[in-house]
């Protein structure tokens, strides 16, 4: 769930994600030649102090979940992020998305924040829960 109310313009997508960026990456996910979703790691904050931290996101169509695809995607994103000198990954997840929370916990992410009722979606207030993981870079 992206927490957008309307269709996102291609210009807005360019402001949110990085296409052909040398450090931050966005990928479309295909399984059996079918578009299954998208994933990314992007700037966590637009300040130099956070340059070694990235936000990770995985969005899959409902029929594509529960098949270990999310695990493979997170592993791939972490590997790619390490190669780009990212040290910490942060995942922000809707408090109702127990499947994503379970995935990120299984992948070694620890809950680091719980923002209560900060997002309005579907006519109600929703929590956002952040998870983080330190990536151990080889020197």
N, C-alpha and C. Protein backbone atom coordinates (compact mmCIF):
# COMPACT_ATOMS: atom_id res chain seq x y z
N UNK A 1 0.85 -1.16 0.00
CA UNK A 1 0.00 0.00 0.00
C UNK A 1 0.90 1.23 0.00
N UNK A 2 0.73 2.10 -0.99
CA UNK A 2 1.61 3.26 -1.11
C UNK A 2 1.07 4.49 -0.39
N UNK A 3 -0.14 4.44 0.10
CA UNK A 3 -0.77 5.57 0.81
C UNK A 3 -1.02 6.77 -0.09
N UNK A 4 -1.15 6.52 -1.38
CA UNK A 4 -1.56 7.57 -2.31
C UNK A 4 -3.06 7.43 -2.53
N UNK A 5 -3.74 8.56 -2.70
CA UNK A 5 -5.18 8.51 -2.93
C UNK A 5 -5.53 8.41 -4.40
N UNK A 6 -4.65 8.91 -5.25
CA UNK A 6 -4.92 8.91 -6.69
C UNK A 6 -3.74 8.32 -7.43
N UNK A 7 -3.96 8.06 -8.70
CA UNK A 7 -2.89 7.54 -9.56
C UNK A 7 -1.70 8.50 -9.52
N UNK A 8 -0.52 7.94 -9.44
CA UNK A 8 0.71 8.73 -9.35
C UNK A 8 1.19 9.07 -10.76
N UNK A 9 1.49 10.35 -11.01
CA UNK A 9 2.00 10.74 -12.33
C UNK A 9 3.43 10.26 -12.50
N UNK A 10 3.85 10.10 -13.74
CA UNK A 10 5.22 9.65 -14.00
C UNK A 10 6.23 10.68 -13.47
N UNK A 11 5.86 11.95 -13.47
CA UNK A 11 6.75 12.98 -12.93
C UNK A 11 6.93 12.81 -11.42
N UNK A 12 5.84 12.50 -10.72
CA UNK A 12 5.93 12.27 -9.27
C UNK A 12 6.73 11.00 -8.97
N UNK A 13 6.55 9.98 -9.79
CA UNK A 13 7.34 8.75 -9.59
C UNK A 13 8.83 9.08 -9.69
N UNK A 14 9.21 9.91 -10.65
CA UNK A 14 10.62 10.30 -10.81
C UNK A 14 11.14 11.04 -9.59
N UNK A 15 10.27 11.77 -8.89
CA UNK A 15 10.68 12.47 -7.67
C UNK A 15 10.83 11.52 -6.49
N UNK A 16 10.17 10.39 -6.52
CA UNK A 16 10.18 9.46 -5.39
C UNK A 16 11.21 8.34 -5.53
N UNK A 17 11.38 7.88 -6.73
CA UNK A 17 12.30 6.76 -6.93
C UNK A 17 13.38 7.16 -7.93
N UNK A 18 14.41 6.38 -7.97
CA UNK A 18 15.54 6.71 -8.83
C UNK A 18 15.62 5.71 -9.97
N UNK A 19 15.54 6.23 -11.17
CA UNK A 19 15.64 5.41 -12.37
C UNK A 19 17.01 5.68 -12.98
N UNK A 20 17.77 4.64 -13.21
CA UNK A 20 19.13 4.74 -13.75
C UNK A 20 20.06 5.56 -12.86
N UNK A 21 19.81 5.55 -11.56
CA UNK A 21 20.69 6.25 -10.62
C UNK A 21 21.88 5.35 -10.33
N UNK A 22 23.05 5.95 -10.09
CA UNK A 22 24.24 5.12 -9.86
C UNK A 22 24.26 4.48 -8.48
N UNK A 23 23.46 4.95 -7.54
CA UNK A 23 23.49 4.40 -6.18
C UNK A 23 22.17 3.79 -5.73
N UNK A 24 21.06 4.48 -5.94
CA UNK A 24 19.74 4.02 -5.50
C UNK A 24 19.06 3.32 -6.67
N UNK A 25 18.35 2.24 -6.37
CA UNK A 25 17.83 1.39 -7.44
C UNK A 25 16.35 1.09 -7.27
N UNK A 26 15.69 0.95 -8.41
CA UNK A 26 14.29 0.55 -8.49
C UNK A 26 14.20 -0.55 -9.55
N UNK A 27 13.42 -1.58 -9.25
CA UNK A 27 13.30 -2.71 -10.17
C UNK A 27 11.83 -3.10 -10.31
N UNK A 28 11.45 -3.48 -11.51
CA UNK A 28 10.17 -4.15 -11.71
C UNK A 28 10.41 -5.63 -11.44
N UNK A 29 9.43 -6.30 -10.86
CA UNK A 29 9.57 -7.71 -10.52
C UNK A 29 8.67 -8.52 -11.45
N UNK A 30 9.30 -9.45 -12.14
CA UNK A 30 8.56 -10.36 -13.03
C UNK A 30 8.73 -11.78 -12.53
N UNK A 31 7.66 -12.55 -12.62
CA UNK A 31 7.71 -13.97 -12.32
C UNK A 31 6.92 -14.66 -13.41
N UNK A 32 7.54 -15.65 -14.05
CA UNK A 32 6.91 -16.36 -15.18
C UNK A 32 6.45 -15.38 -16.26
N UNK A 33 7.28 -14.40 -16.57
CA UNK A 33 7.02 -13.38 -17.60
C UNK A 33 5.81 -12.51 -17.30
N UNK A 34 5.36 -12.49 -16.05
CA UNK A 34 4.23 -11.64 -15.63
C UNK A 34 4.74 -10.60 -14.66
N UNK A 35 4.29 -9.36 -14.82
CA UNK A 35 4.65 -8.30 -13.87
C UNK A 35 4.02 -8.64 -12.52
N UNK A 36 4.87 -8.81 -11.51
CA UNK A 36 4.39 -9.20 -10.18
C UNK A 36 4.40 -8.05 -9.19
N UNK A 37 5.18 -6.99 -9.48
CA UNK A 37 5.27 -5.86 -8.58
C UNK A 37 6.51 -5.04 -8.86
N UNK A 38 6.94 -4.29 -7.83
CA UNK A 38 8.16 -3.51 -7.95
C UNK A 38 8.84 -3.44 -6.59
N UNK A 39 10.11 -3.07 -6.61
CA UNK A 39 10.88 -2.96 -5.38
C UNK A 39 11.93 -1.88 -5.57
N UNK A 40 12.47 -1.40 -4.46
CA UNK A 40 13.46 -0.32 -4.54
C UNK A 40 14.23 -0.19 -3.24
N UNK A 41 15.33 0.52 -3.33
CA UNK A 41 15.92 1.17 -2.16
C UNK A 41 16.27 2.57 -2.61
N UNK A 42 15.94 3.52 -1.76
CA UNK A 42 16.04 4.93 -2.10
C UNK A 42 16.59 5.72 -0.92
N UNK A 43 16.83 7.00 -1.13
CA UNK A 43 17.32 7.84 -0.03
C UNK A 43 16.37 7.77 1.14
N UNK A 44 16.94 7.66 2.33
CA UNK A 44 16.12 7.65 3.55
C UNK A 44 15.68 9.07 3.88
N UNK A 45 16.58 9.99 3.89
CA UNK A 45 16.31 11.42 4.08
C UNK A 45 17.20 12.18 3.12
N UNK A 46 16.79 13.36 2.74
CA UNK A 46 17.57 14.15 1.78
C UNK A 46 18.55 15.07 2.50
N UNK A 47 19.35 14.47 3.38
CA UNK A 47 20.40 15.20 4.09
C UNK A 47 21.65 14.34 4.08
N UNK A 48 22.83 14.95 3.95
CA UNK A 48 24.06 14.16 3.84
C UNK A 48 24.32 13.22 5.02
N UNK A 49 23.84 13.55 6.19
CA UNK A 49 24.07 12.69 7.36
C UNK A 49 23.46 11.30 7.19
N UNK A 50 22.50 11.16 6.29
CA UNK A 50 21.81 9.89 6.07
C UNK A 50 22.26 9.19 4.79
N UNK A 51 23.38 9.60 4.21
CA UNK A 51 23.81 9.05 2.92
C UNK A 51 24.08 7.55 2.95
N UNK A 52 24.35 6.97 4.10
CA UNK A 52 24.64 5.53 4.16
C UNK A 52 23.43 4.72 4.63
N UNK A 53 22.27 5.38 4.66
CA UNK A 53 21.02 4.74 5.04
C UNK A 53 20.05 4.84 3.87
N UNK A 54 19.32 3.76 3.61
CA UNK A 54 18.34 3.76 2.52
C UNK A 54 17.02 3.19 3.01
N UNK A 55 15.95 3.62 2.37
CA UNK A 55 14.63 3.04 2.63
C UNK A 55 14.41 1.93 1.61
N UNK A 56 13.93 0.79 2.08
CA UNK A 56 13.66 -0.35 1.22
C UNK A 56 12.16 -0.51 1.08
N UNK A 57 11.71 -0.88 -0.10
CA UNK A 57 10.29 -1.11 -0.33
C UNK A 57 10.08 -2.27 -1.28
N UNK A 58 9.10 -3.10 -0.97
CA UNK A 58 8.73 -4.24 -1.81
C UNK A 58 7.21 -4.23 -1.94
N UNK A 59 6.72 -4.16 -3.17
CA UNK A 59 5.29 -4.16 -3.43
C UNK A 59 4.97 -5.27 -4.42
N UNK A 60 4.22 -6.27 -3.98
CA UNK A 60 3.85 -7.39 -4.82
C UNK A 60 2.34 -7.49 -4.94
N UNK A 61 1.88 -7.94 -6.10
CA UNK A 61 0.46 -8.20 -6.27
C UNK A 61 0.07 -9.33 -5.31
N UNK A 62 -1.13 -9.28 -4.74
CA UNK A 62 -1.53 -10.30 -3.76
C UNK A 62 -1.32 -11.76 -4.21
N UNK A 63 -1.60 -12.13 -5.46
CA UNK A 63 -1.38 -13.53 -5.83
C UNK A 63 0.10 -13.94 -5.86
N UNK A 64 1.00 -12.96 -5.77
CA UNK A 64 2.43 -13.24 -5.87
C UNK A 64 3.09 -13.37 -4.50
N UNK A 65 2.33 -13.23 -3.44
CA UNK A 65 2.90 -13.33 -2.09
C UNK A 65 2.85 -14.77 -1.60
N UNK A 66 3.64 -15.05 -0.57
CA UNK A 66 3.65 -16.37 0.04
C UNK A 66 4.41 -17.42 -0.75
N UNK A 67 5.28 -16.98 -1.68
CA UNK A 67 6.01 -17.93 -2.54
C UNK A 67 7.53 -17.75 -2.40
N UNK A 68 7.97 -17.11 -1.34
CA UNK A 68 9.39 -16.81 -1.10
C UNK A 68 9.96 -15.76 -2.06
N UNK A 69 9.11 -15.15 -2.87
CA UNK A 69 9.56 -14.10 -3.78
C UNK A 69 10.04 -12.89 -3.00
N UNK A 70 9.31 -12.49 -1.96
CA UNK A 70 9.70 -11.35 -1.14
C UNK A 70 11.06 -11.54 -0.51
N UNK A 71 11.34 -12.73 -0.01
CA UNK A 71 12.63 -13.05 0.59
C UNK A 71 13.76 -12.87 -0.43
N UNK A 72 13.56 -13.41 -1.62
CA UNK A 72 14.59 -13.28 -2.67
C UNK A 72 14.80 -11.83 -3.07
N UNK A 73 13.71 -11.06 -3.11
CA UNK A 73 13.81 -9.65 -3.47
C UNK A 73 14.60 -8.88 -2.41
N UNK A 74 14.27 -9.09 -1.14
CA UNK A 74 14.98 -8.39 -0.05
C UNK A 74 16.46 -8.76 -0.08
N UNK A 75 16.78 -10.04 -0.26
CA UNK A 75 18.18 -10.46 -0.35
C UNK A 75 18.89 -9.75 -1.50
N UNK A 76 18.25 -9.67 -2.64
CA UNK A 76 18.84 -9.02 -3.81
C UNK A 76 19.05 -7.52 -3.55
N UNK A 77 18.04 -6.87 -2.98
CA UNK A 77 18.16 -5.44 -2.70
C UNK A 77 19.27 -5.18 -1.68
N UNK A 78 19.37 -6.00 -0.65
CA UNK A 78 20.44 -5.83 0.34
C UNK A 78 21.81 -6.02 -0.30
N UNK A 79 21.95 -7.04 -1.11
CA UNK A 79 23.23 -7.29 -1.79
C UNK A 79 23.62 -6.10 -2.68
N UNK A 80 22.66 -5.60 -3.43
CA UNK A 80 22.91 -4.45 -4.31
C UNK A 80 23.24 -3.21 -3.49
N UNK A 81 22.51 -3.00 -2.40
CA UNK A 81 22.75 -1.83 -1.53
C UNK A 81 24.15 -1.89 -0.93
N UNK A 82 24.57 -3.06 -0.48
CA UNK A 82 25.92 -3.22 0.08
C UNK A 82 26.96 -2.80 -0.95
N UNK A 83 26.77 -3.24 -2.18
CA UNK A 83 27.69 -2.88 -3.26
C UNK A 83 27.73 -1.39 -3.52
N UNK A 84 26.70 -0.69 -3.09
CA UNK A 84 26.63 0.77 -3.25
C UNK A 84 26.92 1.50 -1.95
N UNK A 85 27.57 0.79 -1.01
CA UNK A 85 28.03 1.36 0.26
C UNK A 85 26.90 1.85 1.16
N UNK A 86 25.75 1.20 1.08
CA UNK A 86 24.65 1.48 2.00
C UNK A 86 24.89 0.61 3.24
N UNK A 87 24.80 1.20 4.42
CA UNK A 87 25.09 0.48 5.67
C UNK A 87 23.84 0.09 6.45
N UNK A 88 22.75 0.83 6.28
CA UNK A 88 21.52 0.57 7.05
C UNK A 88 20.33 0.66 6.10
N UNK A 89 19.42 -0.31 6.25
CA UNK A 89 18.17 -0.30 5.47
C UNK A 89 17.01 -0.10 6.45
N UNK A 90 16.03 0.71 6.05
CA UNK A 90 14.85 0.98 6.86
C UNK A 90 13.61 0.65 6.02
N UNK A 91 12.71 -0.13 6.60
CA UNK A 91 11.44 -0.47 5.96
C UNK A 91 10.31 0.16 6.76
N UNK A 92 9.46 0.96 6.11
CA UNK A 92 8.28 1.54 6.75
C UNK A 92 7.06 0.76 6.27
N UNK A 93 6.34 0.16 7.22
CA UNK A 93 5.28 -0.77 6.87
C UNK A 93 3.98 -0.37 7.58
N UNK A 94 2.87 -0.49 6.88
CA UNK A 94 1.57 -0.25 7.48
C UNK A 94 1.37 -1.22 8.63
N UNK A 95 0.82 -0.72 9.73
CA UNK A 95 0.56 -1.56 10.89
C UNK A 95 -0.38 -2.71 10.62
N UNK A 96 -1.12 -2.65 9.52
CA UNK A 96 -2.05 -3.73 9.15
C UNK A 96 -1.39 -4.78 8.26
N UNK A 97 -0.19 -4.49 7.78
CA UNK A 97 0.46 -5.39 6.84
C UNK A 97 1.33 -6.41 7.59
N UNK A 98 0.67 -7.33 8.24
CA UNK A 98 1.39 -8.32 9.05
C UNK A 98 2.28 -9.22 8.20
N UNK A 99 1.91 -9.45 6.96
CA UNK A 99 2.73 -10.29 6.07
C UNK A 99 4.09 -9.65 5.84
N UNK A 100 4.11 -8.34 5.54
CA UNK A 100 5.38 -7.64 5.33
C UNK A 100 6.20 -7.57 6.61
N UNK A 101 5.53 -7.31 7.72
CA UNK A 101 6.26 -7.27 8.99
C UNK A 101 6.92 -8.61 9.28
N UNK A 102 6.20 -9.69 9.04
CA UNK A 102 6.74 -11.04 9.26
C UNK A 102 7.95 -11.27 8.35
N UNK A 103 7.84 -10.87 7.09
CA UNK A 103 8.95 -11.04 6.15
C UNK A 103 10.20 -10.30 6.64
N UNK A 104 10.04 -9.03 6.98
CA UNK A 104 11.22 -8.25 7.36
C UNK A 104 11.81 -8.74 8.68
N UNK A 105 10.98 -9.18 9.62
CA UNK A 105 11.50 -9.76 10.86
C UNK A 105 12.30 -11.02 10.54
N UNK A 106 11.76 -11.86 9.67
CA UNK A 106 12.44 -13.09 9.26
C UNK A 106 13.79 -12.78 8.59
N UNK A 107 13.88 -11.63 7.94
CA UNK A 107 15.10 -11.24 7.23
C UNK A 107 16.09 -10.51 8.13
N UNK A 108 15.79 -10.46 9.44
CA UNK A 108 16.73 -9.87 10.39
C UNK A 108 16.52 -8.40 10.69
N UNK A 109 15.40 -7.84 10.27
CA UNK A 109 15.09 -6.44 10.57
C UNK A 109 14.46 -6.38 11.96
N UNK A 110 14.79 -5.33 12.70
CA UNK A 110 14.24 -5.13 14.03
C UNK A 110 13.35 -3.90 14.04
N UNK A 111 12.25 -3.99 14.77
CA UNK A 111 11.37 -2.84 14.88
C UNK A 111 12.10 -1.73 15.61
N UNK A 112 12.04 -0.52 15.05
CA UNK A 112 12.74 0.62 15.66
C UNK A 112 11.81 1.80 15.91
N UNK A 113 10.59 1.76 15.38
CA UNK A 113 9.64 2.86 15.61
C UNK A 113 8.22 2.36 15.37
N UNK A 114 7.29 2.98 16.06
CA UNK A 114 5.87 2.68 15.86
C UNK A 114 5.13 4.01 15.94
N UNK A 115 4.72 4.50 14.78
CA UNK A 115 3.99 5.76 14.70
C UNK A 115 2.50 5.44 14.68
N UNK A 116 1.79 5.89 15.67
CA UNK A 116 0.39 5.52 15.84
C UNK A 116 -0.56 6.52 15.17
N UNK A 117 -1.38 5.99 14.29
CA UNK A 117 -2.44 6.77 13.65
C UNK A 117 -1.95 7.94 12.82
N UNK A 118 -0.80 7.82 12.18
CA UNK A 118 -0.25 8.98 11.44
C UNK A 118 -0.64 9.01 9.97
N UNK A 119 -1.25 7.95 9.46
CA UNK A 119 -1.62 7.92 8.05
C UNK A 119 -3.13 7.75 7.92
N UNK A 120 -3.73 8.51 7.00
CA UNK A 120 -5.15 8.38 6.71
C UNK A 120 -5.30 7.56 5.43
N UNK A 121 -5.96 6.43 5.55
CA UNK A 121 -6.18 5.57 4.38
C UNK A 121 -7.46 4.79 4.58
N UNK A 122 -8.23 4.66 3.52
CA UNK A 122 -9.49 3.90 3.57
C UNK A 122 -10.43 4.47 4.64
N UNK A 123 -10.37 5.78 4.87
CA UNK A 123 -11.27 6.43 5.81
C UNK A 123 -10.95 6.19 7.27
N UNK A 124 -9.75 5.75 7.55
CA UNK A 124 -9.37 5.52 8.95
C UNK A 124 -7.90 5.84 9.16
N UNK A 125 -7.53 6.00 10.42
CA UNK A 125 -6.15 6.26 10.80
C UNK A 125 -5.39 4.94 10.84
N UNK A 126 -4.17 4.96 10.34
CA UNK A 126 -3.36 3.75 10.33
C UNK A 126 -2.00 4.01 10.95
N UNK A 127 -1.46 2.98 11.57
CA UNK A 127 -0.12 3.04 12.14
C UNK A 127 0.92 2.76 11.06
N UNK A 128 2.11 3.30 11.26
CA UNK A 128 3.27 2.97 10.44
C UNK A 128 4.34 2.44 11.39
N UNK A 129 4.89 1.29 11.04
CA UNK A 129 5.91 0.67 11.88
C UNK A 129 7.20 0.56 11.07
N UNK A 130 8.28 1.08 11.62
CA UNK A 130 9.57 1.05 10.95
C UNK A 130 10.43 -0.08 11.49
N UNK A 131 11.14 -0.71 10.58
CA UNK A 131 12.10 -1.76 10.89
C UNK A 131 13.43 -1.38 10.28
N UNK A 132 14.52 -1.75 10.92
CA UNK A 132 15.83 -1.44 10.35
C UNK A 132 16.76 -2.63 10.47
N UNK A 133 17.75 -2.63 9.58
CA UNK A 133 18.77 -3.68 9.59
C UNK A 133 20.10 -3.06 9.20
N UNK A 134 21.13 -3.40 9.95
CA UNK A 134 22.49 -2.98 9.60
C UNK A 134 23.05 -4.00 8.63
N UNK A 135 23.58 -3.50 7.52
CA UNK A 135 24.23 -4.36 6.54
C UNK A 135 25.71 -4.36 6.86
N UNK A 136 26.28 -5.50 6.98
CA UNK A 136 27.70 -5.59 7.30
C UNK A 136 28.50 -5.58 6.01
N UNK A 137 29.20 -4.46 5.78
CA UNK A 137 29.97 -4.31 4.56
C UNK A 137 31.34 -4.94 4.73
N UNK A 138 31.84 -5.58 3.68
CA UNK A 138 33.22 -6.07 3.72
C UNK A 138 34.13 -4.96 3.22
N UNK A 139 35.23 -4.82 3.88
CA UNK A 139 36.13 -3.71 3.55
C UNK A 139 37.23 -4.14 2.63
